[in-house]
């Protein structure tokens, strides 16, 4: 599971990129509800986490962490 560790920082980075949450969602091709879910539930899929960090050109560990790895 991937968890959002710094929602305030992520929101600031989204704003500094010139977007609000809704515009940012469109930019990374996810629904605004997906971004809302990330902020409210602090959980995110690997795909969405990668889209976010790639678009903002940040390090994964700046705003996310991997929690509970289960062995396959």
PDB file of N, CA and C in Angstrom:
ATOM      1  N   UNK A   1       0.842  -1.177   0.000  1.00  0.00           N
ATOM      2  CA  UNK A   1       0.000   0.000   0.000  1.00  0.00           C
ATOM      3  C   UNK A   1       0.889   1.244   0.000  1.00  0.00           C
ATOM      4  N   UNK A   2       0.471   2.227  -0.733  1.00  0.00           N
ATOM      5  CA  UNK A   2       1.190   3.502  -0.773  1.00  0.00           C
ATOM      6  C   UNK A   2       0.354   4.531  -0.032  1.00  0.00           C
ATOM      7  N   UNK A   3       1.017   5.287   0.814  1.00  0.00           N
ATOM      8  CA  UNK A   3       0.331   6.247   1.673  1.00  0.00           C
ATOM      9  C   UNK A   3       0.879   7.651   1.439  1.00  0.00           C
ATOM     10  N   UNK A   4      -0.015   8.617   1.426  1.00  0.00           N
ATOM     11  CA  UNK A   4       0.371  10.025   1.348  1.00  0.00           C
ATOM     12  C   UNK A   4       0.904  10.450   2.711  1.00  0.00           C
ATOM     13  N   UNK A   5       2.115  10.970   2.739  1.00  0.00           N
ATOM     14  CA  UNK A   5       2.718  11.366   4.013  1.00  0.00           C
ATOM     15  C   UNK A   5       2.666  12.868   4.259  1.00  0.00           C
ATOM     16  N   UNK A   6       2.573  13.639   3.197  1.00  0.00           N
ATOM     17  CA  UNK A   6       2.581  15.096   3.357  1.00  0.00           C
ATOM     18  C   UNK A   6       1.596  15.747   2.388  1.00  0.00           C
ATOM     19  N   UNK A   7       0.324  15.725   2.771  1.00  0.00           N
ATOM     20  CA  UNK A   7      -0.723  16.291   1.926  1.00  0.00           C
ATOM     21  C   UNK A   7      -0.559  17.777   1.688  1.00  0.00           C
ATOM     22  N   UNK A   8      -0.106  18.495   2.707  1.00  0.00           N
ATOM     23  CA  UNK A   8       0.085  19.943   2.568  1.00  0.00           C
ATOM     24  C   UNK A   8       1.151  20.237   1.516  1.00  0.00           C
ATOM     25  N   UNK A   9       2.249  19.507   1.569  1.00  0.00           N
ATOM     26  CA  UNK A   9       3.326  19.712   0.601  1.00  0.00           C
ATOM     27  C   UNK A   9       2.858  19.355  -0.808  1.00  0.00           C
ATOM     28  N   UNK A  10       2.127  18.241  -0.930  1.00  0.00           N
ATOM     29  CA  UNK A  10       1.629  17.848  -2.247  1.00  0.00           C
ATOM     30  C   UNK A  10       0.704  18.922  -2.809  1.00  0.00           C
ATOM     31  N   UNK A  11      -0.183  19.446  -1.986  1.00  0.00           N
ATOM     32  CA  UNK A  11      -1.103  20.487  -2.446  1.00  0.00           C
ATOM     33  C   UNK A  11      -0.339  21.743  -2.869  1.00  0.00           C
ATOM     34  N   UNK A  12       0.669  22.122  -2.100  1.00  0.00           N
ATOM     35  CA  UNK A  12       1.490  23.284  -2.463  1.00  0.00           C
ATOM     36  C   UNK A  12       2.180  23.065  -3.807  1.00  0.00           C
ATOM     37  N   UNK A  13       2.697  21.860  -4.032  1.00  0.00           N
ATOM     38  CA  UNK A  13       3.369  21.548  -5.293  1.00  0.00           C
ATOM     39  C   UNK A  13       2.396  21.598  -6.467  1.00  0.00           C
ATOM     40  N   UNK A  14       1.177  21.113  -6.246  1.00  0.00           N
ATOM     41  CA  UNK A  14       0.155  21.183  -7.294  1.00  0.00           C
ATOM     42  C   UNK A  14      -0.148  22.642  -7.624  1.00  0.00           C
ATOM     43  N   UNK A  15      -0.324  23.468  -6.593  1.00  0.00           N
ATOM     44  CA  UNK A  15      -0.588  24.894  -6.818  1.00  0.00           C
ATOM     45  C   UNK A  15       0.583  25.578  -7.515  1.00  0.00           C
ATOM     46  N   UNK A  16       1.807  25.253  -7.103  1.00  0.00           N
ATOM     47  CA  UNK A  16       2.993  25.870  -7.721  1.00  0.00           C
ATOM     48  C   UNK A  16       3.163  25.441  -9.174  1.00  0.00           C
ATOM     49  N   UNK A  17       2.552  24.310  -9.550  1.00  0.00           N
ATOM     50  CA  UNK A  17       2.614  23.876 -10.947  1.00  0.00           C
ATOM     51  C   UNK A  17       1.594  24.632 -11.804  1.00  0.00           C
ATOM     52  N   UNK A  18       0.809  25.518 -11.153  1.00  0.00           N
ATOM     53  CA  UNK A  18      -0.158  26.324 -11.880  1.00  0.00           C
ATOM     54  C   UNK A  18      -1.523  25.674 -12.007  1.00  0.00           C
ATOM     55  N   UNK A  19      -1.778  24.668 -11.191  1.00  0.00           N
ATOM     56  CA  UNK A  19      -3.032  23.925 -11.274  1.00  0.00           C
ATOM     57  C   UNK A  19      -3.763  23.921  -9.945  1.00  0.00           C
ATOM     58  N   UNK A  20      -5.079  23.744 -10.013  1.00  0.00           N
ATOM     59  CA  UNK A  20      -5.817  23.377  -8.821  1.00  0.00           C
ATOM     60  C   UNK A  20      -5.960  21.847  -8.872  1.00  0.00           C
ATOM     61  N   UNK A  21      -6.593  21.256  -7.877  1.00  0.00           N
ATOM     62  CA  UNK A  21      -6.678  19.791  -7.844  1.00  0.00           C
ATOM     63  C   UNK A  21      -7.408  19.231  -9.064  1.00  0.00           C
ATOM     64  N   UNK A  22      -8.474  19.888  -9.468  1.00  0.00           N
ATOM     65  CA  UNK A  22      -9.263  19.411 -10.605  1.00  0.00           C
ATOM     66  C   UNK A  22      -8.472  19.478 -11.911  1.00  0.00           C
ATOM     67  N   UNK A  23      -7.809  20.599 -12.149  1.00  0.00           N
ATOM     68  CA  UNK A  23      -6.991  20.744 -13.359  1.00  0.00           C
ATOM     69  C   UNK A  23      -5.836  19.753 -13.358  1.00  0.00           C
ATOM     70  N   UNK A  24      -5.240  19.558 -12.195  1.00  0.00           N
ATOM     71  CA  UNK A  24      -4.127  18.619 -12.093  1.00  0.00           C
ATOM     72  C   UNK A  24      -4.594  17.205 -12.414  1.00  0.00           C
ATOM     73  N   UNK A  25      -5.765  16.836 -11.928  1.00  0.00           N
ATOM     74  CA  UNK A  25      -6.319  15.509 -12.215  1.00  0.00           C
ATOM     75  C   UNK A  25      -6.448  15.303 -13.724  1.00  0.00           C
ATOM     76  N   UNK A  26      -6.992  16.300 -14.411  1.00  0.00           N
ATOM     77  CA  UNK A  26      -7.134  16.210 -15.865  1.00  0.00           C
ATOM     78  C   UNK A  26      -5.771  16.083 -16.533  1.00  0.00           C
ATOM     79  N   UNK A  27      -4.810  16.824 -16.028  1.00  0.00           N
ATOM     80  CA  UNK A  27      -3.471  16.830 -16.616  1.00  0.00           C
ATOM     81  C   UNK A  27      -2.815  15.450 -16.550  1.00  0.00           C
ATOM     82  N   UNK A  28      -3.061  14.712 -15.459  1.00  0.00           N
ATOM     83  CA  UNK A  28      -2.459  13.378 -15.328  1.00  0.00           C
ATOM     84  C   UNK A  28      -3.436  12.271 -15.732  1.00  0.00           C
ATOM     85  N   UNK A  29      -4.572  12.677 -16.302  1.00  0.00           N
ATOM     86  CA  UNK A  29      -5.556  11.745 -16.856  1.00  0.00           C
ATOM     87  C   UNK A  29      -6.190  10.824 -15.809  1.00  0.00           C
ATOM     88  N   UNK A  30      -6.566  11.419 -14.682  1.00  0.00           N
ATOM     89  CA  UNK A  30      -7.367  10.718 -13.681  1.00  0.00           C
ATOM     90  C   UNK A  30      -8.570  11.602 -13.358  1.00  0.00           C
ATOM     91  N   UNK A  31      -9.543  11.047 -12.677  1.00  0.00           N
ATOM     92  CA  UNK A  31     -10.717  11.843 -12.326  1.00  0.00           C
ATOM     93  C   UNK A  31     -10.404  12.741 -11.129  1.00  0.00           C
ATOM     94  N   UNK A  32     -11.099  13.860 -11.019  1.00  0.00           N
ATOM     95  CA  UNK A  32     -10.931  14.690  -9.824  1.00  0.00           C
ATOM     96  C   UNK A  32     -11.233  13.908  -8.540  1.00  0.00           C
ATOM     97  N   UNK A  33     -12.157  12.953  -8.623  1.00  0.00           N
ATOM     98  CA  UNK A  33     -12.483  12.122  -7.457  1.00  0.00           C
ATOM     99  C   UNK A  33     -11.275  11.311  -6.997  1.00  0.00           C
ATOM    100  N   UNK A  34     -10.441  10.898  -7.931  1.00  0.00           N
ATOM    101  CA  UNK A  34      -9.233  10.149  -7.574  1.00  0.00           C
ATOM    102  C   UNK A  34      -8.301  11.012  -6.737  1.00  0.00           C
ATOM    103  N   UNK A  35      -8.117  12.254  -7.139  1.00  0.00           N
ATOM    104  CA  UNK A  35      -7.248  13.161  -6.384  1.00  0.00           C
ATOM    105  C   UNK A  35      -7.850  13.454  -5.011  1.00  0.00           C
ATOM    106  N   UNK A  36      -9.158  13.646  -4.961  1.00  0.00           N
ATOM    107  CA  UNK A  36      -9.829  13.863  -3.677  1.00  0.00           C
ATOM    108  C   UNK A  36      -9.613  12.668  -2.761  1.00  0.00           C
ATOM    109  N   UNK A  37      -9.724  11.463  -3.319  1.00  0.00           N
ATOM    110  CA  UNK A  37      -9.516  10.238  -2.538  1.00  0.00           C
ATOM    111  C   UNK A  37      -8.099  10.195  -1.964  1.00  0.00           C
ATOM    112  N   UNK A  38      -7.123  10.567  -2.757  1.00  0.00           N
ATOM    113  CA  UNK A  38      -5.729  10.584  -2.295  1.00  0.00           C
ATOM    114  C   UNK A  38      -5.599  11.490  -1.072  1.00  0.00           C
ATOM    115  N   UNK A  39      -6.180  12.672  -1.136  1.00  0.00           N
ATOM    116  CA  UNK A  39      -6.067  13.622  -0.028  1.00  0.00           C
ATOM    117  C   UNK A  39      -6.904  13.225   1.184  1.00  0.00           C
ATOM    118  N   UNK A  40      -8.093  12.690   0.979  1.00  0.00           N
ATOM    119  CA  UNK A  40      -8.968  12.348   2.105  1.00  0.00           C
ATOM    120  C   UNK A  40      -8.561  11.049   2.788  1.00  0.00           C
ATOM    121  N   UNK A  41      -8.271  10.027   1.990  1.00  0.00           N
ATOM    122  CA  UNK A  41      -7.979   8.711   2.551  1.00  0.00           C
ATOM    123  C   UNK A  41      -6.495   8.444   2.716  1.00  0.00           C
ATOM    124  N   UNK A  42      -5.692   9.323   2.136  1.00  0.00           N
ATOM    125  CA  UNK A  42      -4.241   9.242   2.238  1.00  0.00           C
ATOM    126  C   UNK A  42      -3.682   7.940   1.663  1.00  0.00           C
ATOM    127  N   UNK A  43      -4.471   7.303   0.783  1.00  0.00           N
ATOM    128  CA  UNK A  43      -3.994   6.102   0.110  1.00  0.00           C
ATOM    129  C   UNK A  43      -4.019   6.335  -1.391  1.00  0.00           C
ATOM    130  N   UNK A  44      -3.108   5.671  -2.067  1.00  0.00           N
ATOM    131  CA  UNK A  44      -2.985   5.894  -3.504  1.00  0.00           C
ATOM    132  C   UNK A  44      -2.467   4.621  -4.167  1.00  0.00           C
ATOM    133  N   UNK A  45      -2.901   4.390  -5.393  1.00  0.00           N
ATOM    134  CA  UNK A  45      -2.401   3.237  -6.136  1.00  0.00           C
ATOM    135  C   UNK A  45      -1.005   3.554  -6.664  1.00  0.00           C
ATOM    136  N   UNK A  46      -0.217   2.527  -6.935  1.00  0.00           N
ATOM    137  CA  UNK A  46       1.116   2.770  -7.496  1.00  0.00           C
ATOM    138  C   UNK A  46       1.064   3.576  -8.802  1.00  0.00           C
ATOM    139  N   UNK A  47       0.087   3.286  -9.654  1.00  0.00           N
ATOM    140  CA  UNK A  47      -0.030   3.987 -10.934  1.00  0.00           C
ATOM    141  C   UNK A  47      -0.260   5.484 -10.721  1.00  0.00           C
ATOM    142  N   UNK A  48      -1.196   5.823  -9.843  1.00  0.00           N
ATOM    143  CA  UNK A  48      -1.512   7.233  -9.598  1.00  0.00           C
ATOM    144  C   UNK A  48      -0.342   7.940  -8.914  1.00  0.00           C
ATOM    145  N   UNK A  49       0.306   7.271  -7.977  1.00  0.00           N
ATOM    146  CA  UNK A  49       1.476   7.867  -7.317  1.00  0.00           C
ATOM    147  C   UNK A  49       2.552   8.200  -8.346  1.00  0.00           C
ATOM    148  N   UNK A  50       2.785   7.284  -9.281  1.00  0.00           N
ATOM    149  CA  UNK A  50       3.807   7.517 -10.312  1.00  0.00           C
ATOM    150  C   UNK A  50       3.408   8.679 -11.210  1.00  0.00           C
ATOM    151  N   UNK A  51       2.146   8.748 -11.598  1.00  0.00           N
ATOM    152  CA  UNK A  51       1.680   9.865 -12.425  1.00  0.00           C
ATOM    153  C   UNK A  51       1.903  11.199 -11.720  1.00  0.00           C
ATOM    154  N   UNK A  52       1.607  11.235 -10.430  1.00  0.00           N
ATOM    155  CA  UNK A  52       1.759  12.471  -9.650  1.00  0.00           C
ATOM    156  C   UNK A  52       3.221  12.888  -9.562  1.00  0.00           C
ATOM    157  N   UNK A  53       4.090  11.970  -9.158  1.00  0.00           N
ATOM    158  CA  UNK A  53       5.497  12.354  -8.976  1.00  0.00           C
ATOM    159  C   UNK A  53       6.168  12.681 -10.305  1.00  0.00           C
ATOM    160  N   UNK A  54       5.783  11.973 -11.370  1.00  0.00           N
ATOM    161  CA  UNK A  54       6.363  12.277 -12.680  1.00  0.00           C
ATOM    162  C   UNK A  54       5.929  13.660 -13.167  1.00  0.00           C
ATOM    163  N   UNK A  55       4.657  13.983 -13.012  1.00  0.00           N
ATOM    164  CA  UNK A  55       4.154  15.284 -13.476  1.00  0.00           C
ATOM    165  C   UNK A  55       4.764  16.435 -12.685  1.00  0.00           C
ATOM    166  N   UNK A  56       4.936  16.234 -11.382  1.00  0.00           N
ATOM    167  CA  UNK A  56       5.493  17.297 -10.537  1.00  0.00           C
ATOM    168  C   UNK A  56       7.021  17.278 -10.500  1.00  0.00           C
ATOM    169  N   UNK A  57       7.613  16.258 -11.106  1.00  0.00           N
ATOM    170  CA  UNK A  57       9.072  16.097 -11.142  1.00  0.00           C
ATOM    171  C   UNK A  57       9.664  16.142  -9.731  1.00  0.00           C
ATOM    172  N   UNK A  58       9.102  15.296  -8.861  1.00  0.00           N
ATOM    173  CA  UNK A  58       9.573  15.200  -7.479  1.00  0.00           C
ATOM    174  C   UNK A  58       9.966  13.762  -7.174  1.00  0.00           C
ATOM    175  N   UNK A  59      10.614  13.574  -6.049  1.00  0.00           N
ATOM    176  CA  UNK A  59      10.979  12.248  -5.583  1.00  0.00           C
ATOM    177  C   UNK A  59       9.768  11.614  -4.911  1.00  0.00           C
ATOM    178  N   UNK A  60       9.567  10.331  -5.134  1.00  0.00           N
ATOM    179  CA  UNK A  60       8.456   9.593  -4.528  1.00  0.00           C
ATOM    180  C   UNK A  60       8.384   9.834  -3.024  1.00  0.00           C
ATOM    181  N   UNK A  61       9.530   9.762  -2.354  1.00  0.00           N
ATOM    182  CA  UNK A  61       9.573   9.886  -0.896  1.00  0.00           C
ATOM    183  C   UNK A  61       9.298  11.298  -0.381  1.00  0.00           C
ATOM    184  N   UNK A  62       9.187  12.272  -1.274  1.00  0.00           N
ATOM    185  CA  UNK A  62       8.851  13.630  -0.845  1.00  0.00           C
ATOM    186  C   UNK A  62       7.439  13.711  -0.270  1.00  0.00           C
ATOM    187  N   UNK A  63       6.527  12.910  -0.813  1.00  0.00           N
ATOM    188  CA  UNK A  63       5.130  12.995  -0.369  1.00  0.00           C
ATOM    189  C   UNK A  63       4.458  11.645  -0.110  1.00  0.00           C
ATOM    190  N   UNK A  64       5.117  10.549  -0.487  1.00  0.00           N
ATOM    191  CA  UNK A  64       4.537   9.218  -0.312  1.00  0.00           C
ATOM    192  C   UNK A  64       5.490   8.296   0.430  1.00  0.00           C
ATOM    193  N   UNK A  65       4.926   7.197   0.951  1.00  0.00           N
ATOM    194  CA  UNK A  65       5.752   6.120   1.485  1.00  0.00           C
ATOM    195  C   UNK A  65       5.035   4.806   1.234  1.00  0.00           C
ATOM    196  N   UNK A  66       5.820   3.749   1.153  1.00  0.00           N
ATOM    197  CA  UNK A  66       5.265   2.413   1.005  1.00  0.00           C
ATOM    198  C   UNK A  66       5.009   1.876   2.401  1.00  0.00           C
ATOM    199  N   UNK A  67       3.795   1.399   2.608  1.00  0.00           N
ATOM    200  CA  UNK A  67       3.410   0.878   3.914  1.00  0.00           C
ATOM    201  C   UNK A  67       2.876  -0.541   3.727  1.00  0.00           C
ATOM    202  N   UNK A  68       3.276  -1.431   4.582  1.00  0.00           N
ATOM    203  CA  UNK A  68       2.799  -2.814   4.566  1.00  0.00           C
ATOM    204  C   UNK A  68       3.044  -3.521   3.243  1.00  0.00           C
ATOM    205  N   UNK A  69       4.210  -4.033   3.066  1.00  0.00           N
ATOM    206  CA  UNK A  69       4.474  -4.869   1.908  1.00  0.00           C
ATOM    207  C   UNK A  69       4.079  -6.296   2.252  1.00  0.00           C
ATOM    208  N   UNK A  70       3.261  -6.897   1.406  1.00  0.00           N
ATOM    209  CA  UNK A  70       2.860  -8.288   1.616  1.00  0.00           C
ATOM    210  C   UNK A  70       3.628  -9.160   0.645  1.00  0.00           C
ATOM    211  N   UNK A  71       4.105 -10.282   1.133  1.00  0.00           N
ATOM    212  CA  UNK A  71       4.849 -11.186   0.263  1.00  0.00           C
ATOM    213  C   UNK A  71       3.900 -11.891  -0.682  1.00  0.00           C
ATOM    214  N   UNK A  72       4.382 -12.122  -1.895  1.00  0.00           N
ATOM    215  CA  UNK A  72       3.561 -12.794  -2.910  1.00  0.00           C
ATOM    216  C   UNK A  72       3.602 -14.287  -2.734  1.00  0.00           C
TER     217      UNK A  72
END
